[in-house]
Amino acid sequence: MNKYEPYQVIDEETASIAFWAIEQEEKKLALYKKQYEETLNLEMEKYQEMLAEKKQAYEKVCEEPNRKIANWKQSLINFMEAQQATNSNYRLKTVNGKLVQTHPKKWHVDTKKVGKRLAQQPGNEAWFEPQAPKFKWGEYKKSLQVLDTGQVVDSNGEVVPDVTVDQVVEYHIRKA
């Protein structure tokens, strides 16, 4: 199968030739590897440029529909807010969809500080796990109320330090 005859080393002179031949073949391999890596780098650069062009083209064609969608959404929000100014229970719902108003809360809490403070007060055992005193924030959070100012009060009506809430209004379009 091999088209080359195996080289026979029979003395130091043929051994020297074998070393020289190995060196020559290793130089060829290094050259091939260098050419391969250069070709690969060039192809990768071309590919990256092509991807960048495709992304840019995609973003360009999406600009107009995104702008139109944003304008339509804002028009719906403006209409709903105008209707809610006279009727606070107004809900915008049509056969093609509805505009849903949500009030997500972003809690800012240092659970270690709150847990430490509650652990020092009697009657707060419900907010801790029985074996290892680990603060159960989720359970405690259920007993809290958020004021319009973003402050949080507990069931006793006292303001809870180390806990605040960002309140924002979001609108979501739901398909009918």
N, C-alpha and C. Protein backbone atom coordinates (compact mmCIF):
# COMPACT_ATOMS: atom_id res chain seq x y z
N MET A 1 0.80 -1.19 0.00
CA MET A 1 0.00 0.00 0.00
C MET A 1 0.85 1.26 0.00
N ASN A 2 1.90 1.26 0.77
CA ASN A 2 2.76 2.43 0.85
C ASN A 2 3.56 2.54 -0.44
N LYS A 3 3.49 3.70 -1.10
CA LYS A 3 4.21 3.84 -2.37
C LYS A 3 5.69 4.14 -2.17
N TYR A 4 6.07 4.41 -0.90
CA TYR A 4 7.47 4.66 -0.61
C TYR A 4 8.09 3.42 0.03
N GLU A 5 9.30 3.16 -0.39
CA GLU A 5 10.04 2.06 0.24
C GLU A 5 10.54 2.56 1.59
N PRO A 6 10.48 1.76 2.63
CA PRO A 6 11.01 2.20 3.92
C PRO A 6 12.51 2.45 3.80
N TYR A 7 12.95 3.52 4.43
CA TYR A 7 14.36 3.89 4.39
C TYR A 7 15.13 2.98 5.33
N GLN A 8 16.25 2.53 4.86
CA GLN A 8 17.09 1.63 5.65
C GLN A 8 18.31 2.39 6.16
N VAL A 9 18.48 2.40 7.46
CA VAL A 9 19.69 2.98 8.05
C VAL A 9 20.65 1.82 8.29
N ILE A 10 21.80 1.91 7.60
CA ILE A 10 22.75 0.80 7.72
C ILE A 10 24.08 1.25 8.31
N ASP A 11 24.31 2.58 8.33
CA ASP A 11 25.55 3.09 8.92
C ASP A 11 25.30 4.53 9.36
N GLU A 12 26.37 5.20 9.86
CA GLU A 12 26.22 6.56 10.35
C GLU A 12 25.90 7.54 9.23
N GLU A 13 26.42 7.28 8.05
CA GLU A 13 26.15 8.18 6.92
C GLU A 13 24.66 8.13 6.55
N THR A 14 24.08 6.95 6.47
CA THR A 14 22.65 6.85 6.16
C THR A 14 21.81 7.37 7.34
N ALA A 15 22.32 7.24 8.57
CA ALA A 15 21.64 7.81 9.74
C ALA A 15 21.62 9.32 9.64
N SER A 16 22.76 9.91 9.23
CA SER A 16 22.84 11.36 9.05
C SER A 16 21.84 11.82 7.99
N ILE A 17 21.74 11.06 6.91
CA ILE A 17 20.78 11.39 5.85
C ILE A 17 19.35 11.31 6.40
N ALA A 18 19.08 10.32 7.24
CA ALA A 18 17.75 10.17 7.83
C ALA A 18 17.42 11.38 8.72
N PHE A 19 18.41 11.81 9.54
CA PHE A 19 18.17 13.00 10.37
C PHE A 19 17.88 14.22 9.51
N TRP A 20 18.68 14.40 8.44
CA TRP A 20 18.49 15.53 7.54
C TRP A 20 17.11 15.45 6.88
N ALA A 21 16.68 14.27 6.45
CA ALA A 21 15.39 14.09 5.80
C ALA A 21 14.25 14.40 6.77
N ILE A 22 14.40 13.96 8.02
CA ILE A 22 13.38 14.27 9.03
C ILE A 22 13.26 15.77 9.22
N GLU A 23 14.41 16.44 9.30
CA GLU A 23 14.41 17.90 9.46
C GLU A 23 13.70 18.57 8.29
N GLN A 24 13.96 18.11 7.07
CA GLN A 24 13.32 18.68 5.88
C GLN A 24 11.80 18.48 5.92
N GLU A 25 11.39 17.27 6.31
CA GLU A 25 9.95 16.98 6.37
C GLU A 25 9.27 17.80 7.47
N GLU A 26 9.96 17.99 8.61
CA GLU A 26 9.40 18.81 9.68
C GLU A 26 9.26 20.26 9.24
N LYS A 27 10.23 20.75 8.42
CA LYS A 27 10.11 22.11 7.88
C LYS A 27 8.89 22.22 6.97
N LYS A 28 8.66 21.17 6.16
CA LYS A 28 7.48 21.16 5.29
C LYS A 28 6.20 21.21 6.14
N LEU A 29 6.18 20.37 7.19
CA LEU A 29 5.00 20.35 8.06
C LEU A 29 4.76 21.71 8.71
N ALA A 30 5.84 22.35 9.17
CA ALA A 30 5.70 23.68 9.78
C ALA A 30 5.15 24.68 8.77
N LEU A 31 5.65 24.61 7.53
CA LEU A 31 5.17 25.50 6.47
C LEU A 31 3.70 25.23 6.17
N TYR A 32 3.32 23.96 6.08
CA TYR A 32 1.91 23.61 5.83
C TYR A 32 1.01 24.13 6.96
N LYS A 33 1.50 23.95 8.20
CA LYS A 33 0.71 24.41 9.34
C LYS A 33 0.54 25.92 9.31
N LYS A 34 1.62 26.62 8.98
CA LYS A 34 1.56 28.09 8.91
C LYS A 34 0.58 28.52 7.82
N GLN A 35 0.64 27.88 6.66
CA GLN A 35 -0.27 28.21 5.56
C GLN A 35 -1.72 27.92 5.97
N TYR A 36 -1.92 26.79 6.63
CA TYR A 36 -3.26 26.43 7.08
C TYR A 36 -3.80 27.47 8.04
N GLU A 37 -2.99 27.87 9.03
CA GLU A 37 -3.43 28.84 10.02
C GLU A 37 -3.71 30.20 9.39
N GLU A 38 -2.86 30.61 8.43
CA GLU A 38 -3.10 31.88 7.74
C GLU A 38 -4.40 31.83 6.95
N THR A 39 -4.61 30.72 6.25
CA THR A 39 -5.84 30.55 5.47
C THR A 39 -7.05 30.55 6.40
N LEU A 40 -6.92 29.83 7.50
CA LEU A 40 -8.01 29.76 8.47
C LEU A 40 -8.32 31.15 9.03
N ASN A 41 -7.28 31.91 9.38
CA ASN A 41 -7.49 33.26 9.90
C ASN A 41 -8.16 34.16 8.87
N LEU A 42 -7.72 34.07 7.62
CA LEU A 42 -8.34 34.87 6.56
C LEU A 42 -9.81 34.50 6.39
N GLU A 43 -10.08 33.20 6.39
CA GLU A 43 -11.47 32.75 6.24
C GLU A 43 -12.32 33.18 7.43
N MET A 44 -11.74 33.12 8.63
CA MET A 44 -12.48 33.56 9.82
C MET A 44 -12.78 35.05 9.74
N GLU A 45 -11.80 35.84 9.29
CA GLU A 45 -12.03 37.28 9.14
C GLU A 45 -13.14 37.55 8.14
N LYS A 46 -13.10 36.84 7.01
CA LYS A 46 -14.14 37.00 5.99
C LYS A 46 -15.50 36.61 6.57
N TYR A 47 -15.52 35.51 7.31
CA TYR A 47 -16.77 35.04 7.91
C TYR A 47 -17.30 36.05 8.92
N GLN A 48 -16.40 36.58 9.75
CA GLN A 48 -16.82 37.58 10.74
C GLN A 48 -17.37 38.82 10.05
N GLU A 49 -16.71 39.25 8.97
CA GLU A 49 -17.19 40.41 8.21
C GLU A 49 -18.56 40.12 7.62
N MET A 50 -18.73 38.91 7.08
CA MET A 50 -20.01 38.54 6.49
C MET A 50 -21.11 38.53 7.57
N LEU A 51 -20.79 37.99 8.75
CA LEU A 51 -21.77 37.97 9.84
C LEU A 51 -22.12 39.39 10.28
N ALA A 52 -21.11 40.26 10.35
CA ALA A 52 -21.36 41.65 10.74
C ALA A 52 -22.26 42.33 9.72
N GLU A 53 -22.00 42.07 8.43
CA GLU A 53 -22.84 42.65 7.38
C GLU A 53 -24.27 42.13 7.48
N LYS A 54 -24.42 40.83 7.72
CA LYS A 54 -25.76 40.24 7.85
C LYS A 54 -26.50 40.83 9.05
N LYS A 55 -25.78 40.99 10.17
CA LYS A 55 -26.40 41.57 11.36
C LYS A 55 -26.82 43.01 11.10
N GLN A 56 -25.95 43.75 10.43
CA GLN A 56 -26.26 45.15 10.12
C GLN A 56 -27.48 45.23 9.19
N ALA A 57 -27.54 44.35 8.20
CA ALA A 57 -28.68 44.33 7.29
C ALA A 57 -29.96 43.97 8.04
N TYR A 58 -29.86 42.99 8.93
CA TYR A 58 -31.02 42.59 9.74
C TYR A 58 -31.51 43.75 10.59
N GLU A 59 -30.59 44.42 11.27
CA GLU A 59 -30.97 45.54 12.12
C GLU A 59 -31.59 46.67 11.31
N LYS A 60 -31.06 46.87 10.10
CA LYS A 60 -31.59 47.94 9.24
C LYS A 60 -33.03 47.65 8.83
N VAL A 61 -33.32 46.41 8.41
CA VAL A 61 -34.68 46.09 7.99
C VAL A 61 -35.64 46.06 9.19
N CYS A 62 -35.12 45.84 10.39
CA CYS A 62 -35.98 45.80 11.58
C CYS A 62 -36.29 47.19 12.13
N GLU A 63 -35.52 48.20 11.73
CA GLU A 63 -35.71 49.55 12.27
C GLU A 63 -37.13 50.06 12.04
N GLU A 64 -37.59 50.00 10.81
CA GLU A 64 -38.91 50.54 10.46
C GLU A 64 -40.04 49.81 11.18
N PRO A 65 -40.10 48.46 11.14
CA PRO A 65 -41.17 47.78 11.89
C PRO A 65 -41.11 48.06 13.40
N ASN A 66 -39.91 48.10 13.97
CA ASN A 66 -39.78 48.39 15.40
C ASN A 66 -40.27 49.79 15.73
N ARG A 67 -39.97 50.75 14.85
CA ARG A 67 -40.42 52.13 15.06
C ARG A 67 -41.94 52.19 15.00
N LYS A 68 -42.52 51.51 14.02
CA LYS A 68 -43.98 51.49 13.88
C LYS A 68 -44.64 50.84 15.09
N ILE A 69 -44.08 49.71 15.54
CA ILE A 69 -44.63 49.02 16.72
C ILE A 69 -44.57 49.93 17.94
N ALA A 70 -43.43 50.61 18.14
CA ALA A 70 -43.29 51.52 19.28
C ALA A 70 -44.33 52.64 19.20
N ASN A 71 -44.55 53.19 18.00
CA ASN A 71 -45.54 54.25 17.84
C ASN A 71 -46.95 53.74 18.14
N TRP A 72 -47.29 52.55 17.62
CA TRP A 72 -48.61 51.98 17.88
C TRP A 72 -48.80 51.71 19.37
N LYS A 73 -47.78 51.14 20.02
CA LYS A 73 -47.89 50.86 21.45
C LYS A 73 -48.09 52.15 22.24
N GLN A 74 -47.32 53.19 21.89
CA GLN A 74 -47.45 54.45 22.61
C GLN A 74 -48.84 55.05 22.39
N SER A 75 -49.37 54.92 21.18
CA SER A 75 -50.73 55.41 20.90
C SER A 75 -51.75 54.67 21.75
N LEU A 76 -51.59 53.35 21.87
CA LEU A 76 -52.50 52.56 22.71
C LEU A 76 -52.40 52.98 24.18
N ILE A 77 -51.17 53.18 24.65
CA ILE A 77 -50.96 53.59 26.04
C ILE A 77 -51.59 54.96 26.28
N ASN A 78 -51.36 55.90 25.36
CA ASN A 78 -51.93 57.25 25.51
C ASN A 78 -53.45 57.18 25.55
N PHE A 79 -54.05 56.38 24.66
CA PHE A 79 -55.50 56.24 24.63
C PHE A 79 -56.01 55.65 25.93
N MET A 80 -55.35 54.59 26.40
CA MET A 80 -55.80 53.93 27.63
C MET A 80 -55.68 54.87 28.83
N GLU A 81 -54.58 55.61 28.91
CA GLU A 81 -54.39 56.53 30.02
C GLU A 81 -55.43 57.64 29.99
N ALA A 82 -55.78 58.12 28.78
CA ALA A 82 -56.82 59.15 28.66
C ALA A 82 -58.16 58.61 29.13
N GLN A 83 -58.47 57.36 28.77
CA GLN A 83 -59.73 56.76 29.20
C GLN A 83 -59.74 56.52 30.71
N GLN A 84 -58.59 56.13 31.25
CA GLN A 84 -58.52 55.86 32.69
C GLN A 84 -58.57 57.14 33.52
N ALA A 85 -58.27 58.28 32.89
CA ALA A 85 -58.36 59.55 33.61
C ALA A 85 -59.81 59.83 33.99
N THR A 86 -60.76 59.39 33.17
CA THR A 86 -62.17 59.60 33.47
C THR A 86 -62.82 58.37 34.09
N ASN A 87 -62.28 57.19 33.80
CA ASN A 87 -62.84 55.94 34.32
C ASN A 87 -61.68 55.05 34.76
N SER A 88 -61.41 55.02 36.05
CA SER A 88 -60.23 54.29 36.55
C SER A 88 -60.33 52.79 36.32
N ASN A 89 -61.51 52.28 36.06
CA ASN A 89 -61.69 50.84 35.82
C ASN A 89 -61.63 50.48 34.35
N TYR A 90 -61.32 51.44 33.48
CA TYR A 90 -61.32 51.19 32.04
C TYR A 90 -60.23 50.18 31.67
N ARG A 91 -60.59 49.22 30.84
CA ARG A 91 -59.64 48.24 30.31
C ARG A 91 -59.77 48.25 28.80
N LEU A 92 -58.64 48.31 28.12
CA LEU A 92 -58.63 48.34 26.66
C LEU A 92 -58.56 46.91 26.15
N LYS A 93 -59.66 46.45 25.56
CA LYS A 93 -59.74 45.09 25.06
C LYS A 93 -60.54 45.11 23.76
N THR A 94 -59.95 44.55 22.70
CA THR A 94 -60.63 44.47 21.41
C THR A 94 -60.55 43.04 20.92
N VAL A 95 -61.14 42.78 19.76
CA VAL A 95 -61.07 41.43 19.20
C VAL A 95 -59.65 41.07 18.78
N ASN A 96 -58.80 42.08 18.53
CA ASN A 96 -57.43 41.83 18.08
C ASN A 96 -56.40 41.81 19.20
N GLY A 97 -56.81 42.14 20.40
CA GLY A 97 -55.85 42.11 21.50
C GLY A 97 -56.29 43.01 22.63
N LYS A 98 -55.49 43.02 23.67
CA LYS A 98 -55.79 43.89 24.81
C LYS A 98 -54.49 44.45 25.36
N LEU A 99 -54.62 45.60 26.02
CA LEU A 99 -53.47 46.25 26.64
C LEU A 99 -53.57 46.00 28.13
N VAL A 100 -52.57 45.35 28.67
CA VAL A 100 -52.57 44.97 30.08
C VAL A 100 -51.58 45.86 30.81
N GLN A 101 -52.05 46.46 31.88
CA GLN A 101 -51.20 47.32 32.69
C GLN A 101 -50.75 46.54 33.91
N THR A 102 -49.45 46.47 34.14
CA THR A 102 -48.92 45.76 35.30
C THR A 102 -48.14 46.73 36.17
N HIS A 103 -47.97 46.37 37.40
CA HIS A 103 -47.22 47.19 38.35
C HIS A 103 -46.17 46.32 39.03
N PRO A 104 -45.12 45.94 38.30
CA PRO A 104 -44.09 45.09 38.92
C PRO A 104 -43.32 45.86 40.00
N LYS A 105 -42.89 45.14 40.98
CA LYS A 105 -42.14 45.74 42.08
C LYS A 105 -40.73 45.19 42.08
N LYS A 106 -39.78 46.07 42.18
CA LYS A 106 -38.39 45.63 42.29
C LYS A 106 -37.96 45.88 43.73
N TRP A 107 -37.76 44.80 44.44
CA TRP A 107 -37.42 44.88 45.85
C TRP A 107 -35.92 45.08 46.02
N HIS A 108 -35.57 46.00 46.91
CA HIS A 108 -34.17 46.21 47.30
C HIS A 108 -34.09 45.85 48.78
N VAL A 109 -33.47 44.76 49.07
CA VAL A 109 -33.46 44.29 50.46
C VAL A 109 -32.09 43.70 50.79
N ASP A 110 -31.66 43.96 51.99
CA ASP A 110 -30.46 43.32 52.52
C ASP A 110 -30.96 42.27 53.51
N THR A 111 -31.13 41.03 53.03
CA THR A 111 -31.75 39.99 53.85
C THR A 111 -30.95 39.70 55.13
N LYS A 112 -29.65 39.89 55.06
CA LYS A 112 -28.85 39.65 56.26
C LYS A 112 -29.20 40.66 57.35
N LYS A 113 -29.28 41.95 56.97
CA LYS A 113 -29.61 42.98 57.95
C LYS A 113 -31.03 42.80 58.48
N VAL A 114 -31.97 42.56 57.58
CA VAL A 114 -33.37 42.40 58.00
C VAL A 114 -33.50 41.17 58.88
N GLY A 115 -32.89 40.06 58.48
CA GLY A 115 -32.94 38.83 59.27
C GLY A 115 -32.32 39.01 60.64
N LYS A 116 -31.19 39.71 60.68
CA LYS A 116 -30.50 39.94 61.95
C LYS A 116 -31.39 40.78 62.88
N ARG A 117 -32.00 41.84 62.32
CA ARG A 117 -32.85 42.71 63.12
C ARG A 117 -34.08 41.95 63.63
N LEU A 118 -34.71 41.14 62.76
CA LEU A 118 -35.89 40.39 63.18
C LEU A 118 -35.55 39.30 64.19
N ALA A 119 -34.37 38.72 64.08
CA ALA A 119 -33.96 37.66 65.00
C ALA A 119 -33.83 38.20 66.42
N GLN A 120 -33.51 39.48 66.54
CA GLN A 120 -33.34 40.08 67.87
C GLN A 120 -34.67 40.45 68.52
N GLN A 121 -35.74 40.47 67.72
CA GLN A 121 -37.06 40.84 68.26
C GLN A 121 -37.85 39.58 68.58
N PRO A 122 -38.55 39.55 69.71
CA PRO A 122 -39.35 38.37 70.06
C PRO A 122 -40.59 38.27 69.17
N GLY A 123 -41.06 37.04 68.95
CA GLY A 123 -42.28 36.81 68.19
C GLY A 123 -42.08 36.71 66.69
N ASN A 124 -40.85 36.67 66.22
CA ASN A 124 -40.58 36.60 64.78
C ASN A 124 -40.06 35.23 64.36
N GLU A 125 -40.33 34.20 65.15
CA GLU A 125 -39.81 32.86 64.86
C GLU A 125 -40.37 32.31 63.55
N ALA A 126 -41.54 32.77 63.15
CA ALA A 126 -42.16 32.25 61.91
C ALA A 126 -41.34 32.59 60.68
N TRP A 127 -40.52 33.60 60.77
CA TRP A 127 -39.74 34.03 59.60
C TRP A 127 -38.40 33.29 59.52
N PHE A 128 -38.17 32.32 60.38
CA PHE A 128 -36.90 31.60 60.40
C PHE A 128 -37.14 30.10 60.31
N GLU A 129 -36.20 29.39 59.72
CA GLU A 129 -36.28 27.93 59.65
C GLU A 129 -35.94 27.36 61.02
N PRO A 130 -36.64 26.28 61.44
CA PRO A 130 -36.48 25.79 62.81
C PRO A 130 -35.09 25.25 63.17
N GLN A 131 -34.48 24.39 62.33
CA GLN A 131 -33.21 23.77 62.71
C GLN A 131 -32.07 24.80 62.71
N ALA A 132 -31.81 25.35 61.56
CA ALA A 132 -30.76 26.36 61.45
C ALA A 132 -31.46 27.70 61.30
N PRO A 133 -31.16 28.65 62.13
CA PRO A 133 -31.87 29.93 62.03
C PRO A 133 -31.52 30.67 60.73
N LYS A 134 -32.21 30.29 59.68
CA LYS A 134 -32.02 30.94 58.38
C LYS A 134 -33.27 31.75 58.09
N PHE A 135 -33.08 32.99 57.72
CA PHE A 135 -34.18 33.91 57.47
C PHE A 135 -34.95 33.52 56.21
N LYS A 136 -36.27 33.40 56.32
CA LYS A 136 -37.13 33.04 55.18
C LYS A 136 -37.73 34.33 54.61
N TRP A 137 -37.02 34.93 53.70
CA TRP A 137 -37.44 36.21 53.12
C TRP A 137 -38.79 36.10 52.43
N GLY A 138 -39.03 35.06 51.69
CA GLY A 138 -40.29 34.90 50.95
C GLY A 138 -41.50 34.91 51.88
N GLU A 139 -41.39 34.22 53.01
CA GLU A 139 -42.49 34.18 53.97
C GLU A 139 -42.70 35.56 54.59
N TYR A 140 -41.60 36.20 54.96
CA TYR A 140 -41.69 37.52 55.59
C TYR A 140 -42.26 38.54 54.61
N LYS A 141 -41.85 38.45 53.35
CA LYS A 141 -42.28 39.39 52.31
C LYS A 141 -43.80 39.39 52.16
N LYS A 142 -44.43 38.22 52.35
CA LYS A 142 -45.89 38.11 52.21
C LYS A 142 -46.62 38.96 53.24
N SER A 143 -45.99 39.25 54.37
CA SER A 143 -46.65 40.02 55.43
C SER A 143 -46.42 41.52 55.28
N LEU A 144 -45.63 41.92 54.31
CA LEU A 144 -45.30 43.33 54.14
C LEU A 144 -46.26 44.02 53.20
N GLN A 145 -46.38 45.34 53.39
CA GLN A 145 -47.17 46.16 52.48
C GLN A 145 -46.27 47.27 51.95
N VAL A 146 -46.49 47.63 50.67
CA VAL A 146 -45.69 48.66 50.03
C VAL A 146 -46.51 49.94 49.99
N LEU A 147 -45.91 51.04 50.47
CA LEU A 147 -46.55 52.35 50.40
C LEU A 147 -46.28 52.98 49.04
N ASP A 148 -47.05 54.01 48.69
CA ASP A 148 -46.87 54.70 47.41
C ASP A 148 -45.48 55.32 47.30
N THR A 149 -44.86 55.62 48.43
CA THR A 149 -43.54 56.24 48.42
C THR A 149 -42.42 55.24 48.15
N GLY A 150 -42.75 53.95 48.15
CA GLY A 150 -41.74 52.92 47.96
C GLY A 150 -41.25 52.35 49.27
N GLN A 151 -41.67 52.95 50.39
CA GLN A 151 -41.31 52.40 51.69
C GLN A 151 -42.14 51.16 51.96
N VAL A 152 -41.65 50.33 52.86
CA VAL A 152 -42.31 49.07 53.18
C VAL A 152 -42.65 49.07 54.66
N VAL A 153 -43.89 48.65 54.98
CA VAL A 153 -44.31 48.55 56.38
C VAL A 153 -44.66 47.11 56.70
N ASP A 154 -44.43 46.74 57.97
CA ASP A 154 -44.76 45.37 58.39
C ASP A 154 -46.19 45.31 58.91
N SER A 155 -46.58 44.18 59.45
CA SER A 155 -47.97 43.99 59.91
C SER A 155 -48.32 44.89 61.09
N ASN A 156 -47.32 45.43 61.79
CA ASN A 156 -47.56 46.36 62.90
C ASN A 156 -47.67 47.80 62.43
N GLY A 157 -47.48 48.03 61.13
CA GLY A 157 -47.54 49.39 60.59
C GLY A 157 -46.24 50.15 60.71
N GLU A 158 -45.17 49.47 61.13
CA GLU A 158 -43.87 50.13 61.27
C GLU A 158 -43.09 50.04 59.97
N VAL A 159 -42.38 51.12 59.64
CA VAL A 159 -41.56 51.13 58.43
C VAL A 159 -40.40 50.16 58.63
N VAL A 160 -40.17 49.32 57.64
CA VAL A 160 -39.10 48.32 57.71
C VAL A 160 -37.83 48.93 57.13
N PRO A 161 -36.80 49.11 57.97
CA PRO A 161 -35.55 49.63 57.41
C PRO A 161 -34.88 48.58 56.54
N ASP A 162 -34.03 49.01 55.66
CA ASP A 162 -33.25 48.14 54.77
C ASP A 162 -34.10 47.49 53.69
N VAL A 163 -35.36 47.91 53.52
CA VAL A 163 -36.19 47.36 52.46
C VAL A 163 -36.91 48.52 51.77
N THR A 164 -36.73 48.63 50.46
CA THR A 164 -37.48 49.60 49.66
C THR A 164 -37.94 48.90 48.40
N VAL A 165 -38.90 49.51 47.71
CA VAL A 165 -39.44 48.92 46.50
C VAL A 165 -39.54 50.00 45.43
N ASP A 166 -39.05 49.69 44.24
CA ASP A 166 -39.25 50.56 43.08
C ASP A 166 -40.55 50.14 42.44
N GLN A 167 -41.44 51.09 42.24
CA GLN A 167 -42.71 50.78 41.60
C GLN A 167 -42.75 51.45 40.24
N VAL A 168 -42.99 50.67 39.22
CA VAL A 168 -43.09 51.18 37.86
C VAL A 168 -44.36 50.64 37.23
N VAL A 169 -44.77 51.29 36.16
CA VAL A 169 -45.93 50.81 35.42
C VAL A 169 -45.43 50.27 34.10
N GLU A 170 -45.83 49.08 33.75
CA GLU A 170 -45.46 48.48 32.48
C GLU A 170 -46.74 48.14 31.73
N TYR A 171 -46.65 48.19 30.41
CA TYR A 171 -47.77 47.82 29.57
C TYR A 171 -47.35 46.65 28.70
N HIS A 172 -48.23 45.69 28.55
CA HIS A 172 -47.96 44.52 27.73
C HIS A 172 -49.14 44.30 26.80
N ILE A 173 -48.85 44.01 25.56
CA ILE A 173 -49.90 43.70 24.60
C ILE A 173 -50.08 42.20 24.58
N ARG A 174 -51.30 41.77 24.73
CA ARG A 174 -51.60 40.35 24.67
C ARG A 174 -52.47 40.10 23.45
N LYS A 175 -52.13 39.09 22.73
CA LYS A 175 -52.91 38.73 21.54
C LYS A 175 -54.25 38.17 21.97
N ALA A 176 -55.26 38.43 21.17
CA ALA A 176 -56.61 37.95 21.49
C ALA A 176 -56.70 36.46 21.24
